[in-house]
Amino acid sequence: MRLCSKNTGVNGCTVNASPARDALVERSARKVKRRWDGFVDFALEGNVLQIAFGLILASIFTDLIKSFVGDILMSPISVLLPINKNFQENFAVLRGGDSYDPEKGYNTPAQALEDGAVVMTYGYVSSGSDSKS
């Protein structure tokens, strides 16, 4: 004999339905709905959109400043001041290699590394997509 009621399971029949279980499921469903509605209200507030817009503008501004400093500002500075014009090849020899001459040094970081020297490069910053050989 099958018992069928309002609280139906498989094939329209009850599956060990009890008032306590029904109340628990109903309370849980209300909590989930209330939290979901709260999240939707928060996500659609103006503050979240303002933060997203601010992050986009900050990213654009950062790239603009990097380009300005690297391409426009540093060129005249390197002409006016007696400094190395190639800022990407600045390095310091921490420990010389086998054929290291302290008076001549190394011309490039690659040359120093080939000689087995320990160097600290401070002018070149890789962005992941750049490859330096």
N, C-alpha and C. Protein backbone atom coordinates (compact mmCIF):
# COMPACT_ATOMS: atom_id res chain seq x y z
N MET A 1 0.84 -1.17 0.00
CA MET A 1 0.00 0.00 0.00
C MET A 1 0.89 1.24 0.00
N ARG A 2 0.60 2.19 -0.92
CA ARG A 2 1.37 3.41 -1.02
C ARG A 2 0.62 4.55 -0.36
N LEU A 3 1.37 5.36 0.38
CA LEU A 3 0.78 6.56 0.98
C LEU A 3 1.26 7.76 0.19
N CYS A 4 0.35 8.55 -0.29
CA CYS A 4 0.70 9.76 -1.03
C CYS A 4 0.10 10.94 -0.30
N SER A 5 0.86 12.03 -0.24
CA SER A 5 0.37 13.22 0.45
C SER A 5 0.91 14.46 -0.24
N LYS A 6 0.75 15.59 0.46
CA LYS A 6 1.20 16.87 -0.08
C LYS A 6 2.73 16.91 -0.22
N ASN A 7 3.45 16.37 0.76
CA ASN A 7 4.91 16.31 0.73
C ASN A 7 5.31 15.08 -0.05
N THR A 8 5.52 15.22 -1.33
CA THR A 8 5.75 14.05 -2.16
C THR A 8 7.21 13.88 -2.50
N GLY A 9 7.57 12.63 -2.73
CA GLY A 9 8.92 12.31 -3.13
C GLY A 9 8.87 11.66 -4.49
N VAL A 10 9.46 10.49 -4.63
CA VAL A 10 9.51 9.78 -5.89
C VAL A 10 8.11 9.23 -6.22
N ASN A 11 7.67 9.38 -7.43
CA ASN A 11 6.36 8.90 -7.93
C ASN A 11 5.19 9.47 -7.14
N GLY A 12 5.35 10.63 -6.57
CA GLY A 12 4.25 11.27 -5.87
C GLY A 12 3.95 10.71 -4.51
N CYS A 13 4.84 9.92 -3.94
CA CYS A 13 4.59 9.33 -2.62
C CYS A 13 5.54 9.91 -1.59
N THR A 14 5.14 9.84 -0.34
CA THR A 14 5.93 10.42 0.74
C THR A 14 7.18 9.60 0.99
N VAL A 15 8.20 10.28 1.45
CA VAL A 15 9.45 9.63 1.79
C VAL A 15 9.76 9.99 3.22
N ASN A 16 9.28 9.22 4.15
CA ASN A 16 9.51 9.43 5.59
C ASN A 16 9.35 10.89 5.99
N ALA A 17 8.29 11.52 5.59
CA ALA A 17 8.05 12.91 5.92
C ALA A 17 7.66 13.02 7.39
N SER A 18 8.24 14.00 8.07
CA SER A 18 7.87 14.25 9.46
C SER A 18 7.77 15.77 9.62
N PRO A 19 6.97 16.23 10.56
CA PRO A 19 6.83 17.68 10.76
C PRO A 19 8.16 18.35 11.13
N ALA A 20 8.99 17.68 11.90
CA ALA A 20 10.28 18.28 12.29
C ALA A 20 11.19 18.44 11.07
N ARG A 21 11.22 17.41 10.23
CA ARG A 21 12.05 17.47 9.02
C ARG A 21 11.54 18.55 8.08
N ASP A 22 10.24 18.65 7.92
CA ASP A 22 9.66 19.67 7.05
C ASP A 22 9.97 21.08 7.55
N ALA A 23 9.92 21.27 8.86
CA ALA A 23 10.21 22.58 9.44
C ALA A 23 11.67 22.94 9.22
N LEU A 24 12.56 21.96 9.38
CA LEU A 24 13.98 22.20 9.18
C LEU A 24 14.27 22.57 7.73
N VAL A 25 13.67 21.86 6.80
CA VAL A 25 13.88 22.15 5.38
C VAL A 25 13.34 23.54 5.04
N GLU A 26 12.20 23.88 5.59
CA GLU A 26 11.60 25.19 5.33
C GLU A 26 12.45 26.32 5.89
N ARG A 27 12.98 26.13 7.12
CA ARG A 27 13.85 27.15 7.72
C ARG A 27 15.13 27.31 6.90
N SER A 28 15.70 26.20 6.47
CA SER A 28 16.92 26.25 5.67
C SER A 28 16.68 26.97 4.35
N ALA A 29 15.56 26.68 3.72
CA ALA A 29 15.24 27.33 2.45
C ALA A 29 15.07 28.84 2.65
N ARG A 30 14.44 29.26 3.74
CA ARG A 30 14.28 30.69 4.02
C ARG A 30 15.64 31.36 4.25
N LYS A 31 16.55 30.67 4.99
CA LYS A 31 17.87 31.24 5.24
C LYS A 31 18.66 31.41 3.94
N VAL A 32 18.62 30.39 3.09
CA VAL A 32 19.33 30.47 1.83
C VAL A 32 18.77 31.59 0.97
N LYS A 33 17.46 31.70 0.89
CA LYS A 33 16.84 32.75 0.09
C LYS A 33 17.19 34.13 0.64
N ARG A 34 17.18 34.27 1.97
CA ARG A 34 17.49 35.57 2.58
C ARG A 34 18.95 35.96 2.30
N ARG A 35 19.87 34.98 2.40
CA ARG A 35 21.29 35.29 2.12
C ARG A 35 21.50 35.61 0.65
N TRP A 36 20.84 34.88 -0.24
CA TRP A 36 20.97 35.14 -1.66
C TRP A 36 20.45 36.53 -2.00
N ASP A 37 19.28 36.87 -1.42
CA ASP A 37 18.72 38.20 -1.67
C ASP A 37 19.64 39.30 -1.14
N GLY A 38 20.27 39.06 0.02
CA GLY A 38 21.22 40.03 0.57
C GLY A 38 22.43 40.20 -0.31
N PHE A 39 22.93 39.09 -0.86
CA PHE A 39 24.08 39.17 -1.76
C PHE A 39 23.73 39.94 -3.03
N VAL A 40 22.56 39.67 -3.59
CA VAL A 40 22.13 40.37 -4.80
C VAL A 40 21.99 41.86 -4.53
N ASP A 41 21.42 42.22 -3.39
CA ASP A 41 21.29 43.64 -3.04
C ASP A 41 22.67 44.29 -2.92
N PHE A 42 23.62 43.59 -2.28
CA PHE A 42 24.97 44.12 -2.12
C PHE A 42 25.66 44.29 -3.47
N ALA A 43 25.55 43.27 -4.33
CA ALA A 43 26.25 43.29 -5.61
C ALA A 43 25.72 44.39 -6.53
N LEU A 44 24.47 44.72 -6.39
CA LEU A 44 23.89 45.73 -7.27
C LEU A 44 23.92 47.13 -6.67
N GLU A 45 24.50 47.27 -5.49
CA GLU A 45 24.65 48.60 -4.89
C GLU A 45 25.63 49.42 -5.71
N GLY A 46 25.57 50.70 -5.55
CA GLY A 46 26.48 51.59 -6.27
C GLY A 46 27.92 51.44 -5.82
N ASN A 47 28.16 51.04 -4.56
CA ASN A 47 29.53 50.97 -4.04
C ASN A 47 30.37 49.93 -4.78
N VAL A 48 29.79 48.78 -5.08
CA VAL A 48 30.55 47.74 -5.76
C VAL A 48 30.89 48.20 -7.18
N LEU A 49 29.96 48.83 -7.83
CA LEU A 49 30.22 49.32 -9.18
C LEU A 49 31.27 50.43 -9.16
N GLN A 50 31.24 51.26 -8.14
CA GLN A 50 32.24 52.32 -8.03
C GLN A 50 33.63 51.75 -7.81
N ILE A 51 33.73 50.70 -6.99
CA ILE A 51 35.02 50.07 -6.75
C ILE A 51 35.55 49.45 -8.03
N ALA A 52 34.70 48.76 -8.78
CA ALA A 52 35.12 48.14 -10.03
C ALA A 52 35.59 49.21 -11.02
N PHE A 53 34.86 50.29 -11.12
CA PHE A 53 35.24 51.38 -12.01
C PHE A 53 36.57 52.00 -11.57
N GLY A 54 36.75 52.15 -10.27
CA GLY A 54 38.00 52.70 -9.75
C GLY A 54 39.19 51.80 -10.04
N LEU A 55 39.02 50.49 -9.95
CA LEU A 55 40.11 49.57 -10.26
C LEU A 55 40.49 49.64 -11.74
N ILE A 56 39.50 49.76 -12.60
CA ILE A 56 39.78 49.88 -14.03
C ILE A 56 40.55 51.16 -14.31
N LEU A 57 40.11 52.26 -13.72
CA LEU A 57 40.81 53.53 -13.92
C LEU A 57 42.23 53.49 -13.36
N ALA A 58 42.42 52.84 -12.21
CA ALA A 58 43.75 52.74 -11.61
C ALA A 58 44.69 51.95 -12.51
N SER A 59 44.19 50.90 -13.11
CA SER A 59 45.01 50.10 -14.02
C SER A 59 45.43 50.92 -15.24
N ILE A 60 44.49 51.65 -15.80
CA ILE A 60 44.81 52.49 -16.96
C ILE A 60 45.80 53.58 -16.58
N PHE A 61 45.61 54.21 -15.43
CA PHE A 61 46.49 55.28 -14.98
C PHE A 61 47.91 54.75 -14.73
N THR A 62 48.02 53.55 -14.16
CA THR A 62 49.33 52.94 -13.91
C THR A 62 50.09 52.72 -15.21
N ASP A 63 49.41 52.17 -16.21
CA ASP A 63 50.07 51.95 -17.51
C ASP A 63 50.47 53.27 -18.16
N LEU A 64 49.63 54.27 -18.03
CA LEU A 64 49.93 55.58 -18.60
C LEU A 64 51.17 56.19 -17.96
N ILE A 65 51.27 56.13 -16.66
CA ILE A 65 52.42 56.70 -15.94
C ILE A 65 53.69 55.92 -16.26
N LYS A 66 53.60 54.59 -16.32
CA LYS A 66 54.77 53.78 -16.68
C LYS A 66 55.29 54.17 -18.06
N SER A 67 54.38 54.32 -19.00
CA SER A 67 54.77 54.68 -20.35
C SER A 67 55.39 56.08 -20.38
N PHE A 68 54.78 57.02 -19.67
CA PHE A 68 55.29 58.39 -19.64
C PHE A 68 56.70 58.43 -19.06
N VAL A 69 56.90 57.77 -17.94
CA VAL A 69 58.21 57.80 -17.29
C VAL A 69 59.25 57.08 -18.13
N GLY A 70 58.92 55.87 -18.61
CA GLY A 70 59.89 55.07 -19.35
C GLY A 70 60.22 55.62 -20.72
N ASP A 71 59.24 56.11 -21.44
CA ASP A 71 59.46 56.52 -22.83
C ASP A 71 59.75 58.01 -22.99
N ILE A 72 59.17 58.86 -22.18
CA ILE A 72 59.30 60.30 -22.38
C ILE A 72 60.25 60.94 -21.36
N LEU A 73 60.07 60.64 -20.11
CA LEU A 73 60.83 61.32 -19.05
C LEU A 73 62.27 60.82 -18.93
N MET A 74 62.50 59.51 -19.02
CA MET A 74 63.84 58.98 -18.79
C MET A 74 64.80 59.25 -19.94
N SER A 75 64.31 59.44 -21.15
CA SER A 75 65.21 59.72 -22.28
C SER A 75 65.99 61.01 -22.09
N PRO A 76 65.32 62.15 -21.81
CA PRO A 76 66.12 63.37 -21.58
C PRO A 76 66.97 63.30 -20.32
N ILE A 77 66.50 62.62 -19.31
CA ILE A 77 67.29 62.52 -18.07
C ILE A 77 68.58 61.75 -18.35
N SER A 78 68.49 60.69 -19.15
CA SER A 78 69.69 59.91 -19.44
C SER A 78 70.68 60.69 -20.29
N VAL A 79 70.21 61.66 -21.09
CA VAL A 79 71.11 62.50 -21.87
C VAL A 79 71.77 63.55 -20.98
N LEU A 80 71.00 64.14 -20.06
CA LEU A 80 71.52 65.21 -19.21
C LEU A 80 72.47 64.70 -18.13
N LEU A 81 72.16 63.56 -17.55
CA LEU A 81 72.98 63.03 -16.46
C LEU A 81 73.93 61.96 -16.99
N PRO A 82 75.11 61.89 -16.46
CA PRO A 82 76.08 60.88 -16.93
C PRO A 82 75.77 59.50 -16.33
N ILE A 83 74.70 58.93 -16.78
CA ILE A 83 74.32 57.61 -16.29
C ILE A 83 74.15 56.66 -17.46
N ASN A 84 74.06 55.41 -17.15
CA ASN A 84 73.88 54.38 -18.17
C ASN A 84 72.56 54.62 -18.89
N LYS A 85 72.59 54.71 -20.21
CA LYS A 85 71.37 54.99 -20.97
C LYS A 85 70.45 53.78 -21.06
N ASN A 86 70.99 52.60 -20.92
CA ASN A 86 70.18 51.40 -21.00
C ASN A 86 69.79 50.98 -19.58
N PHE A 87 68.64 51.43 -19.13
CA PHE A 87 68.23 51.18 -17.76
C PHE A 87 67.87 49.72 -17.51
N GLN A 88 67.57 49.00 -18.58
CA GLN A 88 67.18 47.60 -18.40
C GLN A 88 68.37 46.69 -18.16
N GLU A 89 69.58 47.17 -18.35
CA GLU A 89 70.75 46.33 -18.19
C GLU A 89 71.58 46.72 -16.97
N ASN A 90 70.99 47.38 -16.00
CA ASN A 90 71.71 47.75 -14.79
C ASN A 90 71.86 46.51 -13.91
N PHE A 91 73.08 46.29 -13.43
CA PHE A 91 73.34 45.14 -12.57
C PHE A 91 74.54 45.40 -11.70
N ALA A 92 74.62 44.65 -10.62
CA ALA A 92 75.75 44.74 -9.71
C ALA A 92 76.33 43.35 -9.55
N VAL A 93 77.66 43.27 -9.59
CA VAL A 93 78.34 41.98 -9.43
C VAL A 93 78.53 41.75 -7.94
N LEU A 94 77.90 40.71 -7.43
CA LEU A 94 78.04 40.38 -6.01
C LEU A 94 79.27 39.51 -5.77
N ARG A 95 79.54 38.59 -6.69
CA ARG A 95 80.73 37.76 -6.62
C ARG A 95 81.17 37.48 -8.04
N GLY A 96 82.41 37.78 -8.35
CA GLY A 96 82.93 37.62 -9.70
C GLY A 96 83.07 36.16 -10.10
N GLY A 97 83.08 35.94 -11.40
CA GLY A 97 83.25 34.59 -11.93
C GLY A 97 84.71 34.22 -12.05
N ASP A 98 84.98 33.18 -12.86
CA ASP A 98 86.34 32.65 -13.01
C ASP A 98 87.29 33.66 -13.66
N SER A 99 86.83 34.35 -14.69
CA SER A 99 87.71 35.29 -15.41
C SER A 99 87.32 36.74 -15.14
N TYR A 100 86.89 37.05 -13.93
CA TYR A 100 86.46 38.40 -13.58
C TYR A 100 87.65 39.32 -13.38
N ASP A 101 87.62 40.48 -14.04
CA ASP A 101 88.64 41.51 -13.87
C ASP A 101 87.99 42.69 -13.16
N PRO A 102 88.36 42.99 -11.92
CA PRO A 102 87.70 44.06 -11.17
C PRO A 102 87.79 45.43 -11.82
N GLU A 103 88.82 45.67 -12.63
CA GLU A 103 88.95 46.98 -13.25
C GLU A 103 88.05 47.13 -14.48
N LYS A 104 87.85 46.04 -15.21
CA LYS A 104 87.01 46.09 -16.41
C LYS A 104 85.58 45.69 -16.12
N GLY A 105 85.39 44.71 -15.29
CA GLY A 105 84.05 44.24 -14.98
C GLY A 105 83.42 43.48 -16.13
N TYR A 106 82.13 43.44 -16.13
CA TYR A 106 81.36 42.79 -17.19
C TYR A 106 80.55 43.84 -17.94
N ASN A 107 80.30 43.62 -19.22
CA ASN A 107 79.51 44.55 -20.02
C ASN A 107 78.01 44.34 -19.87
N THR A 108 77.61 43.08 -19.74
CA THR A 108 76.18 42.76 -19.64
C THR A 108 75.96 41.73 -18.54
N PRO A 109 74.74 41.66 -18.03
CA PRO A 109 74.44 40.61 -17.05
C PRO A 109 74.61 39.21 -17.65
N ALA A 110 74.28 39.06 -18.93
CA ALA A 110 74.41 37.75 -19.57
C ALA A 110 75.88 37.31 -19.59
N GLN A 111 76.78 38.24 -19.86
CA GLN A 111 78.21 37.94 -19.87
C GLN A 111 78.66 37.52 -18.47
N ALA A 112 78.18 38.20 -17.45
CA ALA A 112 78.55 37.85 -16.08
C ALA A 112 78.02 36.48 -15.70
N LEU A 113 76.79 36.18 -16.09
CA LEU A 113 76.21 34.88 -15.75
C LEU A 113 76.93 33.75 -16.48
N GLU A 114 77.35 33.99 -17.71
CA GLU A 114 78.09 32.98 -18.45
C GLU A 114 79.42 32.67 -17.80
N ASP A 115 80.02 33.66 -17.15
CA ASP A 115 81.30 33.49 -16.47
C ASP A 115 81.12 32.83 -15.10
N GLY A 116 79.88 32.68 -14.66
CA GLY A 116 79.63 32.06 -13.36
C GLY A 116 79.56 33.05 -12.22
N ALA A 117 79.40 34.32 -12.54
CA ALA A 117 79.32 35.34 -11.50
C ALA A 117 77.93 35.37 -10.87
N VAL A 118 77.89 35.89 -9.67
CA VAL A 118 76.61 36.11 -8.98
C VAL A 118 76.28 37.59 -9.16
N VAL A 119 75.15 37.87 -9.81
CA VAL A 119 74.78 39.26 -10.10
C VAL A 119 73.40 39.56 -9.56
N MET A 120 73.17 40.85 -9.30
CA MET A 120 71.85 41.33 -8.92
C MET A 120 71.44 42.34 -9.99
N THR A 121 70.41 41.99 -10.77
CA THR A 121 69.92 42.91 -11.80
C THR A 121 68.84 43.75 -11.18
N TYR A 122 68.95 45.05 -11.32
CA TYR A 122 67.96 45.94 -10.72
C TYR A 122 67.32 46.87 -11.73
N GLY A 123 67.69 46.80 -12.97
CA GLY A 123 67.09 47.68 -13.97
C GLY A 123 66.01 47.00 -14.77
N TYR A 124 66.06 45.68 -14.86
CA TYR A 124 65.12 44.96 -15.71
C TYR A 124 64.08 44.28 -14.84
N VAL A 125 62.81 44.57 -15.11
CA VAL A 125 61.72 43.94 -14.39
C VAL A 125 60.88 43.19 -15.42
N SER A 126 60.80 41.89 -15.27
CA SER A 126 60.04 41.08 -16.24
C SER A 126 58.57 41.10 -15.90
N SER A 127 57.73 41.20 -16.93
CA SER A 127 56.29 41.20 -16.71
C SER A 127 55.68 39.86 -17.05
N GLY A 128 56.48 38.84 -17.21
CA GLY A 128 55.95 37.53 -17.53
C GLY A 128 55.91 37.26 -19.02
N SER A 129 55.46 38.23 -19.82
CA SER A 129 55.40 38.02 -21.25
C SER A 129 56.72 38.40 -21.93
N ASP A 130 57.55 39.18 -21.22
CA ASP A 130 58.86 39.53 -21.77
C ASP A 130 59.78 38.34 -21.62
N SER A 131 60.64 38.15 -22.60
CA SER A 131 61.62 37.09 -22.47
C SER A 131 62.99 37.68 -22.74
N LYS A 132 63.90 37.39 -21.85
CA LYS A 132 65.25 37.92 -21.97
C LYS A 132 66.18 36.74 -22.08
N SER A 133 66.96 36.67 -23.17
CA SER A 133 67.88 35.55 -23.34
C SER A 133 69.30 35.97 -23.18
